[in-house]
């Protein structure tokens, strides 16, 4: 959860070290900017939850191109709730057909049993974003309709049942973003997730997005003790990841001064814009290009992206990046490769 998997892609890393223009290993794609919730921790609230849907025909053509260019995985998550795009199940299946691993992050309200039966078999993993186990807390944090929590819990249970019935390998997980509002419910929720039969439950910290209007002050040092109670609930078949490492990193300085990991993954929003990182979404001058106007290859090998890479190499990370960046562990690894110690040949 708090590490990286670049060590499983040595050929791509080696090409990067040689200075080649590598294609990303992973894409995150937003299928829509619309959302049926207004979570108080949402990092992309500033985008306005516009009812924009990624054109399915265009994306299907690009999916074939992604695969040919060496992309290994696609996460359908993004600015809004991906299942609001009615083509989501079809796009998930199309991604798998094109030999790429595919995952889905959802609040779960629209993951009906019909949807699960349609596309669960194509998913490597699915993650429910669920911030509480009591109705009043859930509705306060998610800013949603009354009754949504029970709908989500029912959909989780149905997904688990379908996984068992179809004997699928799909990993079903639940993620809670730890806040003062829900900290007293974490243990109760861990027990309920175990009863439902999901594969894992993860508890992560809030990270402030530079452009977000949702500003939360959270002291995680006082919440770390809950991890002890959770270890007694976990089993071999039910993992609990309390991301204390990420919480502790909130008070640590970066050990590198350049973002080296940008070529290995890219974010694509529902309008088709390619962003080096979700932090820069909404700043047109920092977009690599648009998939509605150009092919993936034209964008990735184009002069605009080359100029932006030079720009990012000079970027001040302290001023422009969020506290808990998804690329942090990759950056540490790549920075160490670029600046090895004196004794690395003594293995």
Protein backbone atom coordinates (compact mmCIF):
# COMPACT_ATOMS: atom_id res chain seq x y z
CA UNK A 1 0.00 0.00 0.00
CA UNK A 2 2.76 2.46 0.89
CA UNK A 3 5.50 1.20 -1.38
CA UNK A 4 5.86 0.81 -5.17
CA UNK A 5 6.20 -1.96 -7.74
CA UNK A 6 8.85 -0.62 -10.12
CA UNK A 7 11.14 -3.48 -9.15
CA UNK A 8 8.79 -5.76 -11.15
CA UNK A 9 9.40 -3.67 -14.29
CA UNK A 10 13.20 -3.62 -14.63
CA UNK A 11 13.12 -3.30 -18.42
CA UNK A 12 11.08 -0.09 -18.26
CA UNK A 13 13.27 1.31 -15.47
CA UNK A 14 16.42 0.44 -17.40
CA UNK A 15 15.08 2.20 -20.50
CA UNK A 16 14.30 5.24 -18.36
CA UNK A 17 17.85 5.24 -16.99
CA UNK A 18 19.18 5.19 -20.54
CA UNK A 19 17.22 8.37 -21.21
CA UNK A 20 14.64 6.77 -23.49
CA UNK A 21 11.13 8.20 -23.83
CA UNK A 22 9.34 5.38 -22.03
CA UNK A 23 5.58 4.86 -22.04
CA UNK A 24 3.76 4.67 -18.70
CA UNK A 25 3.11 1.42 -16.88
CA UNK A 26 -0.14 2.61 -15.31
CA UNK A 27 -2.93 4.98 -16.30
CA UNK A 28 -5.65 6.40 -14.09
CA UNK A 29 -8.69 7.43 -16.11
CA UNK A 30 -11.68 9.48 -15.05
CA UNK A 31 -14.79 8.31 -16.87
CA UNK A 32 -16.82 11.29 -15.69
CA UNK A 33 -16.46 14.50 -13.74
CA UNK A 34 -19.93 14.04 -12.23
CA UNK A 35 -20.41 12.53 -8.78
CA UNK A 36 -23.39 11.44 -6.70
CA UNK A 37 -21.58 12.38 -3.46
CA UNK A 38 -19.89 15.56 -2.22
CA UNK A 39 -17.35 14.14 0.22
CA UNK A 40 -15.86 16.68 2.62
CA UNK A 41 -12.37 15.31 1.84
CA UNK A 42 -12.70 15.36 -1.97
CA UNK A 43 -9.43 16.56 -3.50
CA UNK A 44 -10.95 17.60 -6.84
CA UNK A 45 -13.96 19.58 -5.66
CA UNK A 46 -12.51 22.57 -7.49
CA UNK A 47 -13.34 20.95 -10.86
CA UNK A 48 -17.03 21.58 -10.21
CA UNK A 49 -18.48 18.06 -10.70
CA UNK A 50 -19.45 18.84 -14.30
CA UNK A 51 -21.61 16.18 -16.02
CA UNK A 52 -18.87 15.36 -18.53
CA UNK A 53 -18.65 11.77 -19.81
CA UNK A 54 -15.63 10.30 -21.58
CA UNK A 55 -16.69 9.35 -25.11
CA UNK A 56 -16.77 5.53 -25.04
CA UNK A 57 -15.97 5.05 -28.73
CA UNK A 58 -12.90 7.27 -28.56
CA UNK A 59 -11.71 5.62 -25.37
CA UNK A 60 -12.13 2.14 -26.83
CA UNK A 61 -9.86 3.10 -29.73
CA UNK A 62 -7.33 4.55 -27.31
CA UNK A 63 -7.47 1.43 -25.10
CA UNK A 64 -6.15 -0.61 -28.03
CA UNK A 65 -3.37 1.92 -28.49
CA UNK A 66 -2.51 1.96 -24.76
CA UNK A 67 -2.00 -1.79 -24.87
CA UNK A 68 0.19 -1.67 -27.98
CA UNK A 69 2.38 0.98 -26.36
CA UNK A 70 3.08 -1.15 -23.31
CA UNK A 71 0.64 0.16 -20.72
CA UNK A 72 0.15 -2.62 -18.17
CA UNK A 73 -2.81 -1.40 -16.12
CA UNK A 74 -5.68 1.07 -16.01
CA UNK A 75 -7.46 2.28 -12.88
CA UNK A 76 -10.91 3.71 -13.51
CA UNK A 77 -11.36 6.24 -10.74
CA UNK A 78 -10.89 9.91 -11.46
CA UNK A 79 -12.63 13.15 -10.64
CA UNK A 80 -16.12 11.72 -10.23
CA UNK A 81 -17.92 8.43 -9.68
CA UNK A 82 -16.87 6.24 -12.66
CA UNK A 83 -20.07 4.18 -12.65
CA UNK A 84 -22.11 7.28 -13.50
CA UNK A 85 -20.75 6.68 -16.98
CA UNK A 86 -23.12 4.00 -18.28
CA UNK A 87 -20.36 2.57 -20.47
CA UNK A 88 -18.08 1.81 -17.50
CA UNK A 89 -18.69 -1.98 -17.38
CA UNK A 90 -18.15 -2.28 -21.14
CA UNK A 91 -14.93 -0.23 -20.94
CA UNK A 92 -13.67 -2.37 -18.07
CA UNK A 93 -14.25 -5.52 -20.10
CA UNK A 94 -12.68 -3.95 -23.18
CA UNK A 95 -9.56 -3.08 -21.18
CA UNK A 96 -9.17 -6.67 -20.02
CA UNK A 97 -9.71 -7.96 -23.56
CA UNK A 98 -6.73 -5.84 -24.59
CA UNK A 99 -4.41 -7.66 -22.19
CA UNK A 100 -4.21 -4.96 -19.53
CA UNK A 101 -4.99 -5.33 -15.84
CA UNK A 102 -7.94 -3.17 -14.83
CA UNK A 103 -9.20 -1.84 -11.51
CA UNK A 104 -12.11 0.24 -10.26
CA UNK A 105 -12.40 2.72 -7.41
CA UNK A 106 -16.01 3.53 -6.54
CA UNK A 107 -18.24 4.74 -3.75
CA UNK A 108 -20.32 1.65 -4.52
CA UNK A 109 -23.79 3.17 -4.73
CA UNK A 110 -24.12 2.22 -8.40
CA UNK A 111 -22.30 -1.11 -8.21
CA UNK A 112 -25.51 -3.09 -8.46
CA UNK A 113 -25.43 -6.91 -8.59
CA UNK A 114 -26.08 -6.60 -12.35
CA UNK A 115 -22.97 -4.46 -12.78
CA UNK A 116 -20.90 -6.84 -10.67
CA UNK A 117 -22.05 -9.83 -12.70
CA UNK A 118 -21.22 -7.91 -15.89
CA UNK A 119 -17.65 -6.85 -15.17
CA UNK A 120 -16.31 -8.17 -11.85
CA UNK A 121 -14.55 -11.02 -13.63
CA UNK A 122 -12.48 -8.51 -15.64
CA UNK A 123 -11.30 -6.58 -12.59
CA UNK A 124 -7.99 -7.32 -10.90
CA UNK A 125 -9.25 -5.36 -7.94
CA UNK A 126 -12.14 -3.16 -6.89
CA UNK A 127 -11.99 -0.69 -4.02
CA UNK A 128 -14.95 0.83 -2.24
CA UNK A 129 -14.38 4.31 -0.80
CA UNK A 130 -16.44 4.20 2.39
CA UNK A 131 -15.79 6.71 5.16
CA UNK A 132 -17.95 5.40 8.01
CA UNK A 133 -20.11 2.53 9.23
CA UNK A 134 -22.84 4.54 10.98
CA UNK A 135 -25.47 6.31 8.88
CA UNK A 136 -25.20 9.76 10.42
CA UNK A 137 -21.40 9.82 10.17
CA UNK A 138 -21.40 8.45 6.63
CA UNK A 139 -23.96 11.00 5.45
CA UNK A 140 -22.07 13.83 7.13
CA UNK A 141 -18.78 12.91 5.46
CA UNK A 142 -20.07 11.77 2.08
CA UNK A 143 -22.72 14.52 1.81
CA UNK A 144 -25.11 12.07 0.19
CA UNK A 145 -28.69 10.87 0.22
CA UNK A 146 -30.03 9.14 3.34
CA UNK A 147 -29.81 5.39 2.94
CA UNK A 148 -26.76 5.33 0.66
CA UNK A 149 -24.62 3.53 3.25
CA UNK A 150 -26.96 0.54 3.40
CA UNK A 151 -27.06 0.41 -0.39
CA UNK A 152 -23.26 0.33 -0.48
CA UNK A 153 -23.02 -2.39 2.17
CA UNK A 154 -25.55 -4.49 0.26
CA UNK A 155 -23.56 -4.01 -2.95
CA UNK A 156 -20.34 -5.04 -1.18
CA UNK A 157 -22.01 -8.20 0.04
CA UNK A 158 -23.37 -9.00 -3.42
CA UNK A 159 -19.94 -8.46 -4.99
CA UNK A 160 -18.41 -10.85 -2.45
CA UNK A 161 -21.13 -13.41 -3.18
CA UNK A 162 -20.63 -13.13 -6.94
CA UNK A 163 -16.87 -13.48 -6.52
CA UNK A 164 -17.36 -16.70 -4.58
CA UNK A 165 -20.02 -18.07 -6.91
CA UNK A 166 -17.95 -17.38 -10.05
CA UNK A 167 -14.70 -18.37 -8.30
CA UNK A 168 -13.03 -15.12 -9.28
CA UNK A 169 -9.59 -13.92 -8.23
CA UNK A 170 -10.75 -10.29 -8.04
CA UNK A 171 -9.53 -8.58 -4.87
CA UNK A 172 -12.35 -6.70 -3.12
CA UNK A 173 -11.21 -3.97 -0.76
CA UNK A 174 -12.59 -1.09 1.26
CA UNK A 175 -10.80 2.16 1.94
CA UNK A 176 -11.56 4.58 4.76
CA UNK A 177 -10.02 8.04 4.88
CA UNK A 178 -9.36 8.64 8.57
CA UNK A 179 -10.89 11.84 9.96
CA UNK A 180 -11.85 13.14 13.41
CA UNK A 181 -15.49 12.45 12.44
CA UNK A 182 -14.98 8.72 11.92
CA UNK A 183 -12.04 7.78 14.16
CA UNK A 184 -14.31 6.15 16.77
CA UNK A 185 -15.87 3.88 14.13
CA UNK A 186 -12.73 2.34 12.64
CA UNK A 187 -12.69 -0.81 14.77
CA UNK A 188 -16.44 -1.33 14.37
CA UNK A 189 -16.10 -0.91 10.63
CA UNK A 190 -13.16 -3.34 10.45
CA UNK A 191 -15.32 -6.00 12.11
CA UNK A 192 -18.24 -5.36 9.73
CA UNK A 193 -16.00 -5.56 6.66
CA UNK A 194 -14.68 -8.88 7.94
CA UNK A 195 -18.25 -10.15 8.38
CA UNK A 196 -19.16 -9.12 4.83
CA UNK A 197 -16.14 -11.01 3.54
CA UNK A 198 -14.03 -8.42 1.72
CA UNK A 199 -10.35 -9.20 1.21
CA UNK A 200 -8.92 -6.14 2.90
CA UNK A 201 -9.70 -2.95 4.77
CA UNK A 202 -7.32 0.00 4.54
CA UNK A 203 -7.21 3.17 6.60
CA UNK A 204 -5.40 6.09 4.98
CA UNK A 205 -4.73 9.72 5.96
CA UNK A 206 -6.05 12.90 4.39
CA UNK A 207 -3.67 14.76 2.10
CA UNK A 208 -4.36 18.37 1.20
CA UNK A 209 -4.64 19.04 -2.55
CA UNK A 210 -3.20 22.51 -3.36
CA UNK A 211 -6.31 23.54 -5.34
CA UNK A 212 -9.01 21.96 -3.19
CA UNK A 213 -11.50 24.08 -1.29
CA UNK A 214 -11.86 21.27 1.26
CA UNK A 215 -9.32 22.26 3.89
CA UNK A 216 -9.08 19.86 6.82
CA UNK A 217 -6.76 19.97 9.81
CA UNK A 218 -6.07 16.47 11.10
CA UNK A 219 -3.55 15.40 13.75
CA UNK A 220 -2.77 11.76 13.03
CA UNK A 221 -0.32 11.33 15.87
CA UNK A 222 -3.22 11.02 18.29
CA UNK A 223 -4.94 8.40 16.11
CA UNK A 224 -2.08 5.94 15.68
CA UNK A 225 -3.05 3.90 18.72
CA UNK A 226 -6.08 2.43 16.93
CA UNK A 227 -3.71 0.27 14.89
CA UNK A 228 -3.15 -2.04 17.88
CA UNK A 229 -6.83 -2.94 18.08
CA UNK A 230 -7.01 -3.62 14.36
CA UNK A 231 -4.21 -6.18 14.36
CA UNK A 232 -6.36 -8.50 16.48
CA UNK A 233 -9.15 -8.45 13.88
CA UNK A 234 -7.04 -9.21 10.81
CA UNK A 235 -6.59 -12.80 9.60
CA UNK A 236 -4.71 -14.56 6.84
CA UNK A 237 -7.68 -14.08 4.51
CA UNK A 238 -8.70 -10.64 5.73
CA UNK A 239 -5.93 -8.03 5.69
CA UNK A 240 -6.06 -4.68 7.45
CA UNK A 241 -3.69 -1.97 6.31
CA UNK A 242 -3.42 0.89 8.76
CA UNK A 243 -1.23 3.27 6.81
CA UNK A 244 0.77 4.64 9.71
CA UNK A 245 3.78 5.07 7.43
CA UNK A 246 1.85 7.54 5.29
CA UNK A 247 0.59 9.34 8.37
CA UNK A 248 4.09 9.72 9.71
CA UNK A 249 5.35 11.00 6.34
CA UNK A 250 3.11 14.06 6.72
CA UNK A 251 5.77 15.53 9.01
CA UNK A 252 8.81 14.39 6.98
CA UNK A 253 10.84 16.21 4.35
CA UNK A 254 11.26 14.75 0.85
CA UNK A 255 14.61 13.08 0.25
CA UNK A 256 14.73 14.18 -3.41
CA UNK A 257 14.37 17.49 -5.26
CA UNK A 258 12.97 16.30 -8.61
CA UNK A 259 9.88 14.29 -9.51
CA UNK A 260 11.49 11.44 -11.44
CA UNK A 261 8.47 9.11 -11.54
CA UNK A 262 6.22 11.15 -13.85
CA UNK A 263 6.89 9.03 -16.99
CA UNK A 264 5.72 5.82 -15.29
CA UNK A 265 2.08 6.78 -14.82
CA UNK A 266 -0.31 9.44 -16.07
CA UNK A 267 -3.74 10.76 -15.19
CA UNK A 268 -6.43 11.18 -17.87
CA UNK A 269 -9.55 13.16 -17.03
CA UNK A 270 -13.07 12.72 -18.40
CA UNK A 271 -12.47 15.42 -21.02
CA UNK A 272 -9.57 13.43 -22.45
CA UNK A 273 -6.78 15.63 -21.08
CA UNK A 274 -3.52 13.95 -20.08
CA UNK A 275 -2.04 15.30 -16.85
CA UNK A 276 1.40 14.41 -15.51
CA UNK A 277 -0.18 14.34 -12.06
CA UNK A 278 -3.68 14.96 -10.67
CA UNK A 279 -2.26 17.93 -8.74
CA UNK A 280 -2.02 19.87 -12.00
CA UNK A 281 -5.47 19.01 -13.33
CA UNK A 282 -7.31 22.15 -14.39
CA UNK A 283 -4.16 24.06 -15.38
CA UNK A 284 -4.35 23.94 -19.22
CA UNK A 285 -0.75 25.02 -19.68
CA UNK A 286 0.39 21.83 -17.88
CA UNK A 287 -1.63 19.32 -19.89
CA UNK A 288 0.31 17.02 -22.22
CA UNK A 289 -2.54 17.03 -24.72
CA UNK A 290 -6.05 15.70 -25.36
CA UNK A 291 -7.06 12.24 -26.58
CA UNK A 292 -10.05 13.66 -28.44
CA UNK A 293 -7.68 15.64 -30.63
CA UNK A 294 -4.57 13.45 -30.92
CA UNK A 295 -3.54 9.82 -30.54
CA UNK A 296 -1.76 8.66 -27.41
CA UNK A 297 1.48 8.31 -29.38
CA UNK A 298 1.23 11.80 -30.85
CA UNK A 299 0.81 13.25 -27.38
CA UNK A 300 3.45 11.15 -25.64
CA UNK A 301 6.11 11.70 -28.30
CA UNK A 302 5.12 15.27 -29.13
CA UNK A 303 7.08 18.48 -28.61
CA UNK A 304 4.59 19.84 -26.07
CA UNK A 305 5.21 17.00 -23.63
CA UNK A 306 8.98 17.29 -24.13
CA UNK A 307 8.84 20.96 -23.14
CA UNK A 308 6.69 20.17 -20.12
CA UNK A 309 9.14 17.50 -18.97
CA UNK A 310 11.85 20.17 -18.96
CA UNK A 311 9.52 22.42 -16.97
CA UNK A 312 8.84 19.74 -14.36
CA UNK A 313 12.54 19.03 -13.96
CA UNK A 314 12.93 22.60 -12.66
CA UNK A 315 9.78 22.57 -10.54
CA UNK A 316 9.91 23.38 -6.83
CA UNK A 317 8.31 20.32 -5.21
CA UNK A 318 7.68 22.04 -1.89
CA UNK A 319 5.57 24.72 -3.52
CA UNK A 320 3.74 22.65 -6.11
CA UNK A 321 3.16 19.14 -4.73
CA UNK A 322 0.77 17.73 -2.17
CA UNK A 323 1.93 16.26 1.11
CA UNK A 324 1.30 12.57 0.40
CA UNK A 325 2.13 12.07 -3.25
CA UNK A 326 1.41 8.68 -4.85
CA UNK A 327 4.77 8.94 -6.60
CA UNK A 328 6.79 9.48 -3.41
CA UNK A 329 8.09 5.94 -2.93
CA UNK A 330 8.88 5.61 -6.63
CA UNK A 331 10.77 8.88 -6.48
CA UNK A 332 12.84 7.66 -3.54
CA UNK A 333 13.71 4.49 -5.44
CA UNK A 334 14.57 6.25 -8.70
CA UNK A 335 16.55 8.93 -6.88
CA UNK A 336 18.61 6.23 -5.20
CA UNK A 337 19.26 4.58 -8.56
CA UNK A 338 20.49 7.89 -9.93
CA UNK A 339 22.60 8.64 -6.84
CA UNK A 340 23.92 5.28 -5.55
CA UNK A 341 26.21 5.07 -2.55
CA UNK A 342 29.88 4.17 -2.73
CA UNK A 343 29.46 0.53 -1.68
CA UNK A 344 26.65 -0.67 -3.98
CA UNK A 345 28.85 -3.24 -5.71
CA UNK A 346 29.31 -5.13 -2.44
CA UNK A 347 26.09 -7.05 -2.67
